[in-house]
């Protein structure tokens, strides 16, 4: 018994224990109609657990340079996105019977779940294959992992069977089943290609888990927009229904605009790189003119960027959605639909950002205060910026989040490519706000903070019977994470582990502060018309689990904690 306990303790660290409790909490809330999805999540979690243990005891993937000091995080990353979607399915299942949510919307979300799940599972199969074909055969001394290779085969077989059966029931067989199977498998292949590209192009910028979450998210986001486009093509040019009708579910103009612009910006670096190669082609240029000047390169960049945002992206929007006017005119009319409230918010945001950036930029250049503590003030700034807008103007905040993320992408592209005349200036300015999780090649912390606050709100549009769910990012990052860092740094004595920096005092402060914020926020939301359906026991579990994850994980917590907290709030 002692040897079994020792073996189990060597395999189960704090992060894995919290993740497994998180998955079990979600599975315990499953309705019967989602049983196959829950079994698939179990298979995914078991496979991720197996691959993570194997990977951390092997040097076969050293060709991928991951972020120093971070664990692989494969288990956490593999289950996060599928669990978010299955939590949303559980939430919608409470509204399908009373017809508050259409059956098509429910089936469409099921399809998104399988696309996200297959993306994660595809990456796991790729990592497992790399481990199997590597000469390195190191295993944990406390457990005979080599003799349990059959576990991965069982997980793959069970997962594939569940996926095929579920899609067959949804599609009623025929061509739609073939298309849906092809579609989810394409997500898996695309996620594998993308994670390889990310780890090779941006070495030492992310852990395997962070790259997995980012790859699965981008593939799912891109696939959703492509499915919407294919639906329009099928409706206009094909006489039979090849694409499932769920893809034609109602989408808001805001979501189409945000999705088109962000995907255009994600694709833009590849297009710009191709244009540079064509311009520098030896067959069309003399040897003296092969190196472009900084000014000409800058003109090419801004010209192609303008073409992408002014011509290509709006054309895509208008094809995917029946706008009554040009998308830019629609945005203009939307903003001025309530000019006093929305323009006042814009002025408030600009003043707050300007004052905060100037103040903390000077402090960061001249102060000896730890950079991580200075950055927590930006978390507090996120609370003061986003909370009033989320309560009073959630639709406008939806569009503002998309615009801010687009601006961040453009700025980061300019910084990485060193586009004249802004590239070096932006690089020097951004370096003042980096910490150990950022690299000189890629700065990701501001993206993760913005997405951490935005994703719970974006996921909550439509049916939402849990009023705190849209605030998951603001509460967990702006309040919980900030208080945990400040209290832990100043008063923390008892550490969660011998090697880690996180303290029990900091975690307790983070959990307590979020509970206090929730108790203050719920009456305020009730006064604005929200129906209170949040159960305090479920809220306590959600806050505690997200607080423990912040204490134990070595991953980029801005990316994972809001999604975990949101998933638990939806139950």
Protein backbone atom coordinates (compact mmCIF):
# COMPACT_ATOMS: atom_id res chain seq x y z
CA UNK A 1 0.00 0.00 0.00
CA UNK A 2 2.82 2.38 0.83
CA UNK A 3 4.43 1.83 -2.57
CA UNK A 4 1.11 2.43 -4.33
CA UNK A 5 0.60 5.66 -2.37
CA UNK A 6 4.13 6.80 -3.19
CA UNK A 7 3.60 6.06 -6.88
CA UNK A 8 0.30 7.95 -6.91
CA UNK A 9 1.82 10.98 -5.16
CA UNK A 10 4.65 11.10 -7.67
CA UNK A 11 2.17 11.23 -10.54
CA UNK A 12 -0.37 13.62 -8.99
CA UNK A 13 0.95 17.13 -8.45
CA UNK A 14 -1.16 20.10 -7.37
CA UNK A 15 -2.04 21.31 -10.86
CA UNK A 16 -3.17 17.87 -12.02
CA UNK A 17 -5.26 17.36 -8.91
CA UNK A 18 -7.08 20.68 -9.40
CA UNK A 19 -7.68 19.95 -13.10
CA UNK A 20 -9.11 16.50 -12.36
CA UNK A 21 -11.40 17.96 -9.68
CA UNK A 22 -12.48 20.60 -12.20
CA UNK A 23 -13.36 17.94 -14.78
CA UNK A 24 -15.17 15.79 -12.21
CA UNK A 25 -17.23 18.79 -11.08
CA UNK A 26 -18.36 19.41 -14.65
CA UNK A 27 -19.08 15.73 -15.30
CA UNK A 28 -21.20 15.52 -12.15
CA UNK A 29 -23.58 18.09 -13.66
CA UNK A 30 -24.07 16.32 -17.01
CA UNK A 31 -27.65 15.70 -18.17
CA UNK A 32 -28.35 12.32 -19.87
CA UNK A 33 -28.42 13.89 -23.36
CA UNK A 34 -24.71 14.79 -23.01
CA UNK A 35 -23.49 11.44 -21.72
CA UNK A 36 -21.43 10.65 -24.85
CA UNK A 37 -19.78 14.07 -24.66
CA UNK A 38 -18.88 13.47 -21.03
CA UNK A 39 -17.38 10.05 -21.81
CA UNK A 40 -15.35 11.65 -24.61
CA UNK A 41 -14.09 14.27 -22.14
CA UNK A 42 -13.02 11.45 -19.80
CA UNK A 43 -11.09 9.79 -22.63
CA UNK A 44 -9.48 13.10 -23.54
CA UNK A 45 -8.46 13.76 -19.92
CA UNK A 46 -7.01 10.25 -19.51
CA UNK A 47 -5.02 10.56 -22.74
CA UNK A 48 -3.75 14.02 -21.76
CA UNK A 49 -2.73 12.76 -18.31
CA UNK A 50 -0.81 9.88 -19.90
CA UNK A 51 0.94 12.07 -22.50
CA UNK A 52 1.88 14.73 -19.93
CA UNK A 53 3.57 12.20 -17.66
CA UNK A 54 5.38 10.61 -20.58
CA UNK A 55 6.48 13.96 -22.00
CA UNK A 56 7.86 15.32 -18.73
CA UNK A 57 10.08 12.25 -18.40
CA UNK A 58 11.39 12.31 -21.96
CA UNK A 59 13.68 14.55 -23.95
CA UNK A 60 12.21 13.59 -27.32
CA UNK A 61 10.57 16.98 -27.87
CA UNK A 62 13.59 19.12 -27.08
CA UNK A 63 13.49 20.26 -30.70
CA UNK A 64 10.62 22.44 -29.51
CA UNK A 65 12.04 25.15 -27.25
CA UNK A 66 9.35 25.92 -24.69
CA UNK A 67 9.10 28.73 -22.16
CA UNK A 68 11.75 28.32 -19.44
CA UNK A 69 10.47 27.49 -15.99
CA UNK A 70 7.05 26.27 -17.13
CA UNK A 71 5.75 22.71 -16.91
CA UNK A 72 4.23 21.16 -20.01
CA UNK A 73 0.65 21.91 -18.89
CA UNK A 74 -0.78 19.41 -21.38
CA UNK A 75 -3.56 18.08 -19.15
CA UNK A 76 -4.83 21.55 -18.24
CA UNK A 77 -4.65 22.82 -21.83
CA UNK A 78 -6.22 19.74 -23.43
CA UNK A 79 -9.35 19.78 -21.27
CA UNK A 80 -9.88 23.54 -20.87
CA UNK A 81 -11.59 24.42 -24.16
CA UNK A 82 -13.74 21.25 -24.43
CA UNK A 83 -14.81 21.65 -20.79
CA UNK A 84 -15.79 25.28 -21.40
CA UNK A 85 -18.03 24.19 -24.26
CA UNK A 86 -19.54 21.25 -22.40
CA UNK A 87 -20.32 23.59 -19.49
CA UNK A 88 -22.06 25.89 -21.94
CA UNK A 89 -23.97 22.87 -23.27
CA UNK A 90 -25.06 22.02 -19.72
CA UNK A 91 -26.25 25.60 -19.33
CA UNK A 92 -28.20 25.54 -22.61
CA UNK A 93 -29.71 22.14 -21.80
CA UNK A 94 -31.61 23.83 -18.97
CA UNK A 95 -33.28 26.11 -21.53
CA UNK A 96 -33.99 23.72 -24.43
CA UNK A 97 -37.02 22.08 -22.77
CA UNK A 98 -38.81 25.36 -21.97
CA UNK A 99 -37.92 26.53 -25.52
CA UNK A 100 -35.80 29.46 -24.41
CA UNK A 101 -33.02 28.18 -26.72
CA UNK A 102 -33.60 26.73 -30.18
CA UNK A 103 -32.71 23.13 -30.90
CA UNK A 104 -30.47 24.30 -33.78
CA UNK A 105 -28.38 26.46 -31.45
CA UNK A 106 -27.97 23.52 -29.07
CA UNK A 107 -26.86 21.17 -31.87
CA UNK A 108 -24.51 23.80 -33.25
CA UNK A 109 -22.77 24.10 -29.88
CA UNK A 110 -22.42 20.31 -29.82
CA UNK A 111 -20.62 20.56 -33.16
CA UNK A 112 -18.31 23.22 -31.74
CA UNK A 113 -17.59 20.94 -28.79
CA UNK A 114 -16.51 18.09 -31.06
CA UNK A 115 -14.39 20.45 -33.17
CA UNK A 116 -12.57 21.77 -30.07
CA UNK A 117 -12.25 18.30 -28.56
CA UNK A 118 -10.84 16.75 -31.73
CA UNK A 119 -8.38 19.65 -32.03
CA UNK A 120 -7.02 18.89 -28.57
CA UNK A 121 -7.05 15.14 -29.11
CA UNK A 122 -5.27 15.50 -32.44
CA UNK A 123 -2.41 17.35 -30.75
CA UNK A 124 -2.25 14.64 -28.07
CA UNK A 125 -1.99 11.94 -30.73
CA UNK A 126 0.79 13.91 -32.42
CA UNK A 127 2.74 14.27 -29.16
CA UNK A 128 2.21 10.60 -28.30
CA UNK A 129 3.42 9.55 -31.75
CA UNK A 130 6.54 11.69 -31.32
CA UNK A 131 7.20 10.03 -27.98
CA UNK A 132 6.70 6.55 -29.38
CA UNK A 133 9.14 7.08 -32.24
CA UNK A 134 11.82 8.77 -30.17
CA UNK A 135 14.97 6.92 -29.02
CA UNK A 136 14.48 8.35 -25.55
CA UNK A 137 12.64 5.81 -23.37
CA UNK A 138 12.81 7.49 -20.00
CA UNK A 139 9.94 6.76 -17.64
CA UNK A 140 9.15 7.70 -14.08
CA UNK A 141 10.90 5.25 -11.77
CA UNK A 142 7.88 5.02 -9.53
CA UNK A 143 5.46 3.69 -12.14
CA UNK A 144 5.68 1.39 -15.07
CA UNK A 145 4.30 3.72 -17.71
CA UNK A 146 5.75 1.59 -20.50
CA UNK A 147 3.42 -1.27 -19.61
CA UNK A 148 0.37 1.02 -19.78
CA UNK A 149 0.78 2.09 -23.42
CA UNK A 150 -2.44 0.21 -24.06
CA UNK A 151 -4.22 3.02 -22.19
CA UNK A 152 -3.61 5.46 -25.03
CA UNK A 153 -4.87 2.96 -27.60
CA UNK A 154 -8.04 2.39 -25.56
CA UNK A 155 -8.56 6.14 -25.19
CA UNK A 156 -8.16 6.71 -28.94
CA UNK A 157 -10.53 3.85 -29.81
CA UNK A 158 -13.20 4.87 -27.30
CA UNK A 159 -12.94 8.54 -28.25
CA UNK A 160 -13.23 7.83 -31.99
CA UNK A 161 -16.27 5.59 -31.43
CA UNK A 162 -18.03 8.17 -29.27
CA UNK A 163 -17.32 10.95 -31.77
CA UNK A 164 -18.60 8.93 -34.75
CA UNK A 165 -21.74 7.76 -32.95
CA UNK A 166 -22.57 11.25 -31.67
CA UNK A 167 -22.07 12.85 -35.08
CA UNK A 168 -24.09 10.08 -36.74
CA UNK A 169 -27.03 10.77 -34.42
CA UNK A 170 -26.77 14.49 -35.04
CA UNK A 171 -26.41 14.19 -38.82
CA UNK A 172 -28.92 11.39 -39.58
CA UNK A 173 -26.17 9.73 -41.65
CA UNK A 174 -25.74 10.55 -45.38
CA UNK A 175 -23.58 13.28 -46.87
CA UNK A 176 -23.97 15.52 -43.83
CA UNK A 177 -22.36 12.87 -41.62
CA UNK A 178 -19.44 12.58 -44.04
CA UNK A 179 -19.04 16.35 -44.12
CA UNK A 180 -19.21 16.68 -40.32
CA UNK A 181 -16.66 13.89 -39.79
CA UNK A 182 -14.38 15.48 -42.38
CA UNK A 183 -14.85 18.87 -40.75
CA UNK A 184 -13.88 17.82 -37.21
CA UNK A 185 -10.92 15.75 -38.48
CA UNK A 186 -9.70 18.81 -40.38
CA UNK A 187 -9.74 20.69 -37.07
CA UNK A 188 -7.44 18.05 -35.59
CA UNK A 189 -4.97 18.21 -38.49
CA UNK A 190 -5.02 22.02 -38.51
CA UNK A 191 -4.33 22.16 -34.76
CA UNK A 192 -1.33 19.83 -35.15
CA UNK A 193 0.12 21.93 -37.97
CA UNK A 194 -0.49 25.16 -36.09
CA UNK A 195 1.12 24.06 -32.81
CA UNK A 196 4.20 22.91 -34.74
CA UNK A 197 4.33 26.29 -36.48
CA UNK A 198 3.93 28.22 -33.22
CA UNK A 199 6.60 26.28 -31.32
CA UNK A 200 9.06 26.50 -34.21
CA UNK A 201 8.42 30.14 -35.13
CA UNK A 202 8.29 31.47 -31.57
CA UNK A 203 10.79 29.41 -29.54
CA UNK A 204 10.84 29.85 -25.75
CA UNK A 205 7.63 31.92 -25.89
CA UNK A 206 5.13 29.36 -24.61
CA UNK A 207 4.83 26.00 -22.93
CA UNK A 208 3.40 23.05 -24.85
CA UNK A 209 0.12 23.50 -23.01
CA UNK A 210 -0.13 27.20 -23.78
CA UNK A 211 0.61 26.53 -27.44
CA UNK A 212 -2.01 23.75 -27.43
CA UNK A 213 -4.71 26.04 -26.01
CA UNK A 214 -3.84 28.80 -28.47
CA UNK A 215 -3.77 26.40 -31.44
CA UNK A 216 -7.10 24.80 -30.56
CA UNK A 217 -8.68 28.21 -29.97
CA UNK A 218 -7.49 29.73 -33.24
CA UNK A 219 -8.50 26.63 -35.22
CA UNK A 220 -11.97 26.60 -33.62
CA UNK A 221 -12.44 30.34 -34.19
CA UNK A 222 -11.30 30.11 -37.80
CA UNK A 223 -13.33 26.98 -38.46
CA UNK A 224 -16.48 28.61 -37.15
CA UNK A 225 -16.13 31.51 -39.59
CA UNK A 226 -15.28 29.18 -42.47
CA UNK A 227 -18.34 27.06 -41.65
CA UNK A 228 -20.49 30.18 -41.78
CA UNK A 229 -18.95 31.01 -45.17
CA UNK A 230 -19.49 27.47 -46.51
CA UNK A 231 -23.12 27.68 -45.40
CA UNK A 232 -23.63 30.80 -47.50
CA UNK A 233 -21.92 29.15 -50.48
CA UNK A 234 -24.12 26.07 -50.06
CA UNK A 235 -27.28 28.19 -49.86
CA UNK A 236 -26.45 30.27 -52.93
CA UNK A 237 -24.64 27.94 -55.32
CA UNK A 238 -25.42 24.30 -54.38
CA UNK A 239 -28.81 22.68 -54.95
CA UNK A 240 -28.58 20.13 -52.10
CA UNK A 241 -27.80 20.58 -48.40
CA UNK A 242 -24.25 19.40 -47.86
CA UNK A 243 -23.55 21.62 -44.85
CA UNK A 244 -25.59 20.96 -41.69
CA UNK A 245 -28.28 23.58 -41.01
CA UNK A 246 -26.85 24.36 -37.56
CA UNK A 247 -24.04 26.40 -39.14
CA UNK A 248 -26.62 28.91 -40.34
CA UNK A 249 -27.59 29.74 -36.76
CA UNK A 250 -28.29 33.40 -36.12
CA UNK A 251 -25.17 35.49 -35.57
CA UNK A 252 -25.00 39.10 -34.57
CA UNK A 253 -23.41 41.70 -36.80
CA UNK A 254 -20.95 42.48 -34.00
CA UNK A 255 -19.66 38.91 -33.84
CA UNK A 256 -19.21 38.72 -37.63
CA UNK A 257 -17.31 42.02 -37.69
CA UNK A 258 -15.02 41.04 -34.79
CA UNK A 259 -14.40 37.57 -36.18
CA UNK A 260 -13.61 38.76 -39.71
CA UNK A 261 -11.23 41.51 -38.59
CA UNK A 262 -9.34 39.33 -36.10
CA UNK A 263 -8.95 36.44 -38.54
CA UNK A 264 -7.80 38.85 -41.26
CA UNK A 265 -5.13 40.19 -38.92
CA UNK A 266 -4.02 36.68 -37.94
CA UNK A 267 -3.59 35.77 -41.62
CA UNK A 268 -2.00 39.10 -42.55
CA UNK A 269 1.61 38.28 -41.43
CA UNK A 270 1.63 35.28 -43.78
CA UNK A 271 0.41 37.43 -46.66
CA UNK A 272 2.91 40.18 -45.89
CA UNK A 273 5.73 37.64 -45.75
CA UNK A 274 4.69 36.33 -49.17
CA UNK A 275 4.56 39.86 -50.59
CA UNK A 276 8.05 40.55 -49.28
CA UNK A 277 9.38 37.40 -50.94
CA UNK A 278 7.78 38.34 -54.25
CA UNK A 279 9.16 41.84 -54.06
CA UNK A 280 12.64 40.56 -53.26
CA UNK A 281 12.54 37.83 -55.94
CA UNK A 282 15.97 37.71 -57.68
CA UNK A 283 14.39 37.06 -61.07
CA UNK A 284 12.56 40.38 -61.05
CA UNK A 285 15.09 42.60 -59.29
CA UNK A 286 18.72 43.47 -59.80
CA UNK A 287 21.29 42.56 -57.20
CA UNK A 288 21.58 46.21 -56.12
CA UNK A 289 17.83 46.46 -55.47
CA UNK A 290 17.17 43.13 -53.70
CA UNK A 291 17.21 44.67 -50.22
CA UNK A 292 14.18 46.86 -49.70
CA UNK A 293 14.66 50.12 -47.88
CA UNK A 294 12.89 50.60 -44.59
CA UNK A 295 10.60 53.22 -46.09
CA UNK A 296 9.53 51.04 -49.04
CA UNK A 297 9.02 48.08 -46.72
CA UNK A 298 6.89 50.26 -44.46
CA UNK A 299 4.80 51.46 -47.41
CA UNK A 300 4.23 47.88 -48.49
CA UNK A 301 3.19 46.93 -44.96
CA UNK A 302 0.70 49.72 -44.39
CA UNK A 303 -0.66 49.50 -47.93
CA UNK A 304 -1.34 45.77 -47.69
CA UNK A 305 -2.75 46.17 -44.17
CA UNK A 306 -5.14 48.87 -45.39
CA UNK A 307 -6.22 46.65 -48.30
CA UNK A 308 -6.84 43.78 -45.89
CA UNK A 309 -8.93 45.83 -43.42
CA UNK A 310 -10.75 48.13 -45.86
CA UNK A 311 -11.41 45.81 -48.80
CA UNK A 312 -10.98 42.10 -48.03
CA UNK A 313 -12.35 41.87 -44.48
CA UNK A 314 -15.51 43.96 -45.16
CA UNK A 315 -16.20 41.92 -48.31
CA UNK A 316 -15.99 38.74 -46.26
CA UNK A 317 -18.33 40.23 -43.64
CA UNK A 318 -20.93 41.18 -46.22
CA UNK A 319 -20.83 37.74 -47.81
CA UNK A 320 -21.20 35.94 -44.46
CA UNK A 321 -23.87 38.27 -43.05
CA UNK A 322 -26.62 40.26 -44.75
CA UNK A 323 -25.66 43.76 -43.67
CA UNK A 324 -28.10 46.50 -44.61
CA UNK A 325 -25.14 48.87 -45.10
CA UNK A 326 -21.36 48.73 -45.28
CA UNK A 327 -19.94 47.15 -42.08
CA UNK A 328 -18.01 50.32 -41.20
CA UNK A 329 -21.18 52.39 -41.54
CA UNK A 330 -22.96 49.83 -39.37
CA UNK A 331 -20.30 50.28 -36.67
CA UNK A 332 -20.64 54.05 -36.92
CA UNK A 333 -24.43 53.92 -36.58
CA UNK A 334 -24.14 51.41 -33.71
CA UNK A 335 -21.77 53.62 -31.71
CA UNK A 336 -23.96 56.68 -32.24
CA UNK A 337 -27.13 54.73 -31.48
CA UNK A 338 -26.67 55.81 -27.85
CA UNK A 339 -24.09 58.58 -28.27
CA UNK A 340 -24.08 59.98 -24.74
CA UNK A 341 -23.46 56.68 -22.95
CA UNK A 342 -21.09 55.13 -25.48
CA UNK A 343 -19.00 58.20 -26.26
CA UNK A 344 -18.78 58.96 -22.53
CA UNK A 345 -17.40 55.45 -22.01
CA UNK A 346 -14.84 56.03 -24.76
CA UNK A 347 -13.69 59.29 -23.15
CA UNK A 348 -13.49 57.59 -19.75
CA UNK A 349 -11.42 54.71 -21.19
CA UNK A 350 -9.02 57.01 -23.04
CA UNK A 351 -8.40 59.19 -19.97
CA UNK A 352 -7.91 56.18 -17.71
CA UNK A 353 -5.54 54.44 -20.14
CA UNK A 354 -3.50 57.59 -20.74
CA UNK A 355 -3.12 58.39 -17.04
CA UNK A 356 -2.29 54.79 -16.09
CA UNK A 357 0.18 54.13 -18.89
CA UNK A 358 2.10 57.36 -18.34
CA UNK A 359 2.25 56.87 -14.58
CA UNK A 360 3.26 53.21 -14.56
CA UNK A 361 5.64 53.57 -17.48
CA UNK A 362 7.64 56.12 -15.51
CA UNK A 363 7.47 53.96 -12.38
CA UNK A 364 8.65 50.88 -14.26
CA UNK A 365 11.63 52.78 -15.70
CA UNK A 366 12.75 54.31 -12.42
CA UNK A 367 11.46 52.07 -9.61
CA UNK A 368 12.88 48.95 -8.04
CA UNK A 369 9.41 47.56 -7.38
CA UNK A 370 9.03 44.07 -8.84
CA UNK A 371 7.64 44.11 -12.36
CA UNK A 372 5.00 41.50 -11.55
CA UNK A 373 3.49 43.78 -8.88
CA UNK A 374 3.43 46.77 -11.22
CA UNK A 375 1.59 44.68 -13.78
CA UNK A 376 -1.11 43.83 -11.24
CA UNK A 377 -2.15 47.46 -11.26
CA UNK A 378 -3.22 46.91 -14.86
CA UNK A 379 -5.46 44.12 -13.59
CA UNK A 380 -7.09 46.62 -11.26
CA UNK A 381 -7.37 49.05 -14.15
CA UNK A 382 -9.22 46.34 -16.10
CA UNK A 383 -11.77 46.13 -13.26
CA UNK A 384 -12.37 49.88 -13.29
CA UNK A 385 -12.59 49.96 -17.10
CA UNK A 386 -14.70 46.93 -17.90
CA UNK A 387 -17.05 46.49 -14.93
CA UNK A 388 -19.18 49.64 -15.50
CA UNK A 389 -19.40 48.92 -19.24
CA UNK A 390 -20.34 45.27 -18.69
CA UNK A 391 -23.20 46.29 -16.41
CA UNK A 392 -24.47 49.28 -18.40
CA UNK A 393 -23.35 48.70 -22.03
CA UNK A 394 -22.47 45.01 -22.60
CA UNK A 395 -23.08 45.12 -26.35
CA UNK A 396 -20.82 48.12 -26.79
CA UNK A 397 -18.15 46.49 -24.62
CA UNK A 398 -18.41 43.44 -26.87
CA UNK A 399 -17.43 45.53 -29.88
CA UNK A 400 -14.82 47.47 -27.88
CA UNK A 401 -13.08 44.26 -26.82
CA UNK A 402 -12.80 43.23 -30.47
CA UNK A 403 -11.44 46.65 -31.46
CA UNK A 404 -8.88 46.61 -28.63
CA UNK A 405 -7.70 43.12 -29.56
CA UNK A 406 -7.35 44.21 -33.20
CA UNK A 407 -5.26 47.21 -32.14
CA UNK A 408 -3.06 44.96 -29.98
CA UNK A 409 -2.52 42.61 -32.92
CA UNK A 410 -1.53 45.46 -35.26
CA UNK A 411 0.86 46.90 -32.67
CA UNK A 412 2.47 43.50 -32.01
CA UNK A 413 2.88 42.85 -35.75
CA UNK A 414 4.56 46.25 -36.13
CA UNK A 415 6.84 45.48 -33.16
CA UNK A 416 7.82 41.99 -34.31
CA UNK A 417 8.50 43.06 -37.91
CA UNK A 418 10.19 46.30 -36.77
CA UNK A 419 8.15 48.34 -39.23
CA UNK A 420 9.57 51.83 -39.72
CA UNK A 421 9.08 54.31 -38.07
CA UNK A 422 7.10 52.78 -35.17
CA UNK A 423 8.66 49.34 -34.73
CA UNK A 424 11.62 50.21 -32.52
CA UNK A 425 9.67 52.76 -30.49
CA UNK A 426 6.88 50.27 -29.78
CA UNK A 427 9.44 47.62 -28.85
CA UNK A 428 11.18 49.91 -26.34
CA UNK A 429 7.87 51.00 -24.85
CA UNK A 430 6.44 47.47 -24.51
CA UNK A 431 9.62 46.16 -22.88
CA UNK A 432 8.87 48.35 -19.86
CA UNK A 433 5.85 46.18 -19.04
CA UNK A 434 7.20 42.66 -19.66
CA UNK A 435 8.00 39.98 -17.11
CA UNK A 436 9.56 36.50 -17.12
CA UNK A 437 6.66 35.03 -19.13
CA UNK A 438 7.31 37.34 -22.08
CA UNK A 439 10.21 37.06 -24.48
CA UNK A 440 11.95 39.53 -26.74
CA UNK A 441 10.39 37.74 -29.71
CA UNK A 442 6.76 37.75 -28.58
CA UNK A 443 4.97 39.70 -25.82
CA UNK A 444 1.75 37.96 -24.84
CA UNK A 445 0.73 39.15 -21.37
CA UNK A 446 -1.44 42.05 -22.53
CA UNK A 447 -3.20 39.73 -25.01
CA UNK A 448 -3.92 37.17 -22.30
CA UNK A 449 -5.29 39.81 -19.90
CA UNK A 450 -7.59 41.27 -22.54
CA UNK A 451 -8.77 37.86 -23.75
CA UNK A 452 -9.18 36.65 -20.18
CA UNK A 453 -11.66 39.47 -19.55
CA UNK A 454 -13.34 39.29 -22.97
CA UNK A 455 -13.88 35.55 -23.51
CA UNK A 456 -16.32 34.97 -20.62
CA UNK A 457 -18.42 37.89 -21.84
CA UNK A 458 -18.34 36.73 -25.47
CA UNK A 459 -19.33 33.21 -24.41
CA UNK A 460 -22.22 34.58 -22.32
CA UNK A 461 -24.02 36.30 -25.18
CA UNK A 462 -27.24 34.56 -26.05
CA UNK A 463 -28.86 32.54 -23.29
CA UNK A 464 -27.24 33.05 -19.89
CA UNK A 465 -28.93 32.16 -16.59
CA UNK A 466 -25.81 32.73 -14.48
CA UNK A 467 -25.38 36.51 -13.99
CA UNK A 468 -21.79 36.25 -12.74
CA UNK A 469 -20.53 34.24 -15.73
CA UNK A 470 -19.73 37.28 -17.94
CA UNK A 471 -17.68 38.71 -15.04
CA UNK A 472 -15.53 35.57 -14.69
CA UNK A 473 -12.42 37.17 -16.20
CA UNK A 474 -12.77 40.48 -14.39
CA UNK A 475 -13.34 38.79 -11.03
CA UNK A 476 -10.64 36.12 -11.32
CA UNK A 477 -7.90 38.29 -12.86
CA UNK A 478 -8.75 41.82 -11.85
CA UNK A 479 -9.58 41.02 -8.23
CA UNK A 480 -8.58 37.46 -7.26
CA UNK A 481 -5.22 37.23 -9.01
CA UNK A 482 -4.29 40.78 -8.03
CA UNK A 483 -5.08 40.35 -4.34
CA UNK A 484 -3.34 36.97 -4.25
CA UNK A 485 -0.14 38.52 -5.64
CA UNK A 486 -0.17 41.64 -3.47
CA UNK A 487 -0.99 39.88 -0.19
CA UNK A 488 1.23 36.91 -0.95
CA UNK A 489 4.20 39.14 -1.78
CA UNK A 490 3.85 41.32 1.32
CA UNK A 491 2.53 38.94 3.97
CA UNK A 492 2.99 35.44 2.56
CA UNK A 493 4.97 33.00 4.70
CA UNK A 494 3.56 29.52 4.10
CA UNK A 495 4.31 28.31 0.57
CA UNK A 496 2.28 25.74 -1.34
CA UNK A 497 5.46 23.99 -2.45
CA UNK A 498 9.14 24.16 -1.65
CA UNK A 499 10.10 25.35 -5.14
CA UNK A 500 7.14 27.64 -5.90
CA UNK A 501 6.55 31.28 -4.95
CA UNK A 502 2.79 31.07 -4.35
CA UNK A 503 1.72 31.29 -0.70
CA UNK A 504 -1.30 30.04 1.21
CA UNK A 505 -1.95 33.54 2.54
CA UNK A 506 -2.06 34.95 -0.99
CA UNK A 507 -4.44 32.24 -2.20
CA UNK A 508 -6.73 32.77 0.79
CA UNK A 509 -6.76 36.52 0.12
CA UNK A 510 -7.58 35.95 -3.56
CA UNK A 511 -10.47 33.58 -2.80
CA UNK A 512 -11.87 35.84 -0.07
CA UNK A 513 -11.67 38.96 -2.23
CA UNK A 514 -13.55 37.31 -5.10
CA UNK A 515 -16.30 36.09 -2.76
CA UNK A 516 -16.64 39.60 -1.29
CA UNK A 517 -16.79 41.09 -4.79
CA UNK A 518 -19.46 38.57 -5.81
CA UNK A 519 -21.55 39.35 -2.73
CA UNK A 520 -21.42 43.05 -3.65
CA UNK A 521 -22.00 42.47 -7.37
CA UNK A 522 -25.05 40.19 -7.14
CA UNK A 523 -27.38 42.78 -5.50
CA UNK A 524 -26.17 45.40 -7.99
CA UNK A 525 -27.00 43.10 -10.90
CA UNK A 526 -30.38 42.28 -9.37
CA UNK A 527 -31.19 45.99 -9.27
CA UNK A 528 -30.49 46.28 -13.00
CA UNK A 529 -32.92 43.48 -13.94
CA UNK A 530 -30.84 40.30 -13.82
CA UNK A 531 -32.66 37.22 -12.54
CA UNK A 532 -30.65 35.77 -9.66
CA UNK A 533 -30.05 32.04 -10.25
CA UNK A 534 -26.48 31.77 -8.92
CA UNK A 535 -26.19 29.14 -6.17
CA UNK A 536 -23.77 30.05 -3.38
CA UNK A 537 -22.43 26.51 -2.96
CA UNK A 538 -21.55 26.28 -6.67
CA UNK A 539 -20.06 29.77 -6.48
CA UNK A 540 -17.88 28.78 -3.53
CA UNK A 541 -16.62 25.71 -5.40
CA UNK A 542 -15.90 27.77 -8.52
CA UNK A 543 -13.99 30.47 -6.63
CA UNK A 544 -12.00 27.93 -4.61
CA UNK A 545 -11.06 25.82 -7.62
CA UNK A 546 -9.90 28.81 -9.66
CA UNK A 547 -7.94 30.11 -6.65
CA UNK A 548 -6.19 26.77 -6.18
CA UNK A 549 -5.40 26.61 -9.89
CA UNK A 550 -3.77 30.05 -9.66
CA UNK A 551 -1.69 28.76 -6.76
CA UNK A 552 -0.48 25.58 -8.42
CA UNK A 553 -0.22 26.20 -12.14
CA UNK A 554 2.99 27.28 -13.84
CA UNK A 555 1.10 28.16 -17.01
CA UNK A 556 0.04 31.64 -18.13
CA UNK A 557 -2.75 32.05 -15.59
CA UNK A 558 -4.42 34.92 -17.46
CA UNK A 559 -5.32 32.43 -20.19
CA UNK A 560 -6.56 29.48 -18.13
CA UNK A 561 -8.09 30.76 -14.89
CA UNK A 562 -10.93 32.84 -16.45
CA UNK A 563 -12.02 29.91 -18.63
CA UNK A 564 -11.98 27.46 -15.72
CA UNK A 565 -13.87 29.93 -13.52
CA UNK A 566 -16.40 30.61 -16.27
CA UNK A 567 -17.01 26.88 -16.82
CA UNK A 568 -17.72 26.31 -13.14
CA UNK A 569 -20.00 29.35 -12.89
CA UNK A 570 -22.17 28.01 -15.72
CA UNK A 571 -23.06 24.83 -13.80
